[in-house]
Amino acid sequence: MYGITTCDTVKKARVWLEGHDVAYRFHDFRAEGLDAKRLDGWVGKAGWERLLNKASTTFRELPDKDKQGLDEKKAKALMLAKPTMIKRPVLEVGDRVLVGFKADVYEAAVK
């Protein structure tokens, strides 16, 4: 699981995983960073539009010029520079990538 420790949604997902005895490793991308190859893999599976959290404080505080003309290349550069713009949590389950937390989606994915 990837996210930041202070995110409420990440906390809910971690509690759910622990409550269902699902083993996972947590990677705090604020503290540990995020490599381009992993982000490319997520974008390939989930799409950059799903990963880029436009409602995040980090994104909203960007200058307008950085928000305009968003495409995959620009979005990936923004997310690598400031991973807190990534919708959280990101959970890798086998070859799948789950973005955000919904208990029913997690339930189906970890069976």
Protein backbone atom coordinates (compact mmCIF):
# COMPACT_ATOMS: atom_id res chain seq x y z
CA MET A 1 0.00 0.00 0.00
CA TYR A 2 1.22 3.45 -0.95
CA GLY A 3 0.11 6.73 0.57
CA ILE A 4 0.92 9.09 3.43
CA THR A 5 0.51 8.34 7.10
CA THR A 6 -1.60 11.42 7.84
CA CYS A 7 -4.27 10.68 5.20
CA ASP A 8 -7.63 9.69 6.74
CA THR A 9 -8.51 7.46 3.80
CA VAL A 10 -5.20 5.63 4.11
CA LYS A 11 -5.90 5.16 7.81
CA LYS A 12 -9.33 3.66 7.03
CA ALA A 13 -7.83 1.32 4.44
CA ARG A 14 -5.10 0.18 6.84
CA VAL A 15 -7.65 -0.50 9.57
CA TRP A 16 -9.74 -2.49 7.07
CA LEU A 17 -6.75 -4.56 5.92
CA GLU A 18 -5.65 -5.26 9.49
CA GLY A 19 -9.22 -6.12 10.54
CA HIS A 20 -9.42 -8.65 7.72
CA ASP A 21 -5.98 -10.15 8.44
CA VAL A 22 -4.56 -9.04 5.10
CA ALA A 23 -0.78 -8.71 5.20
CA TYR A 24 0.57 -5.60 3.49
CA ARG A 25 3.58 -3.33 3.46
CA PHE A 26 3.06 0.40 3.78
CA HIS A 27 5.16 2.83 1.73
CA ASP A 28 4.86 6.49 2.73
CA PHE A 29 5.68 8.31 -0.47
CA ARG A 30 5.99 11.62 1.33
CA ALA A 31 8.88 10.20 3.38
CA GLU A 32 10.19 7.50 1.02
CA GLY A 33 9.50 9.07 -2.36
CA LEU A 34 8.16 7.40 -5.47
CA ASP A 35 10.06 6.19 -8.50
CA ALA A 36 9.03 6.91 -12.08
CA LYS A 37 8.88 3.25 -13.07
CA ARG A 38 6.29 2.43 -10.40
CA LEU A 39 4.22 5.50 -11.30
CA ASP A 40 4.37 4.49 -14.98
CA GLY A 41 3.02 1.07 -14.02
CA TRP A 42 0.14 2.63 -12.07
CA VAL A 43 -0.67 4.99 -14.90
CA GLY A 44 -0.69 2.05 -17.32
CA LYS A 45 -3.15 0.13 -15.15
CA ALA A 46 -5.32 2.85 -13.60
CA GLY A 47 -4.79 5.91 -15.83
CA TRP A 48 -3.26 9.23 -14.87
CA GLU A 49 -6.69 10.86 -14.63
CA ARG A 50 -7.65 8.46 -11.84
CA LEU A 51 -4.35 8.86 -10.00
CA LEU A 52 -4.09 12.64 -10.07
CA ASN A 53 -6.17 14.00 -7.21
CA LYS A 54 -7.31 17.41 -8.42
CA ALA A 55 -9.15 17.93 -5.13
CA SER A 56 -5.92 17.68 -3.12
CA THR A 57 -4.59 20.75 -1.35
CA THR A 58 -1.27 20.30 -3.14
CA PHE A 59 -2.92 20.38 -6.58
CA ARG A 60 -5.22 23.29 -5.72
CA GLU A 61 -2.23 25.35 -4.56
CA LEU A 62 -0.41 24.93 -7.88
CA PRO A 63 -0.12 27.99 -10.10
CA ASP A 64 -2.78 28.03 -12.83
CA LYS A 65 -0.12 27.57 -15.52
CA ASP A 66 0.78 24.18 -14.02
CA LYS A 67 -2.87 23.06 -14.03
CA GLN A 68 -3.57 24.05 -17.62
CA GLY A 69 -3.01 21.71 -20.54
CA LEU A 70 -2.74 18.61 -18.39
CA ASP A 71 -1.79 15.47 -20.24
CA GLU A 72 -0.18 12.22 -19.13
CA LYS A 73 3.39 13.53 -19.34
CA LYS A 74 2.66 16.70 -17.39
CA ALA A 75 0.53 14.88 -14.80
CA LYS A 76 3.25 12.27 -14.19
CA ALA A 77 5.87 15.01 -13.74
CA LEU A 78 3.62 16.76 -11.21
CA MET A 79 2.94 13.54 -9.28
CA LEU A 80 6.63 12.63 -9.17
CA ALA A 81 7.56 16.11 -7.97
CA LYS A 82 4.78 16.16 -5.37
CA PRO A 83 3.45 12.67 -4.64
CA THR A 84 0.81 14.08 -2.28
CA MET A 85 -1.14 14.89 -5.47
CA ILE A 86 -1.73 11.17 -5.95
CA LYS A 87 -5.15 9.91 -4.89
CA ARG A 88 -4.68 7.70 -1.87
CA PRO A 89 -4.20 4.97 -1.02
CA VAL A 90 -2.77 3.04 -3.93
CA LEU A 91 -2.91 -0.69 -3.26
CA GLU A 92 -1.13 -3.21 -5.45
CA VAL A 93 -2.90 -6.57 -5.41
CA GLY A 94 -1.22 -9.03 -7.73
CA ASP A 95 -1.19 -7.31 -11.12
CA ARG A 96 -4.03 -4.93 -10.19
CA VAL A 97 -3.81 -1.39 -8.87
CA LEU A 98 -6.60 -0.08 -6.63
CA VAL A 99 -6.83 3.68 -6.21
CA GLY A 100 -8.70 5.09 -3.23
CA PHE A 101 -10.51 3.00 -0.65
CA LYS A 102 -13.86 1.27 -0.89
CA ALA A 103 -14.39 -1.70 1.41
CA ASP A 104 -16.36 -3.69 -1.17
CA VAL A 105 -13.62 -3.24 -3.79
CA TYR A 106 -10.95 -4.31 -1.30
CA GLU A 107 -13.09 -7.29 -0.26
CA ALA A 108 -13.37 -8.48 -3.87
CA ALA A 109 -9.66 -7.89 -4.57
CA VAL A 110 -8.20 -9.75 -1.60
CA LYS A 111 -10.35 -12.90 -1.77
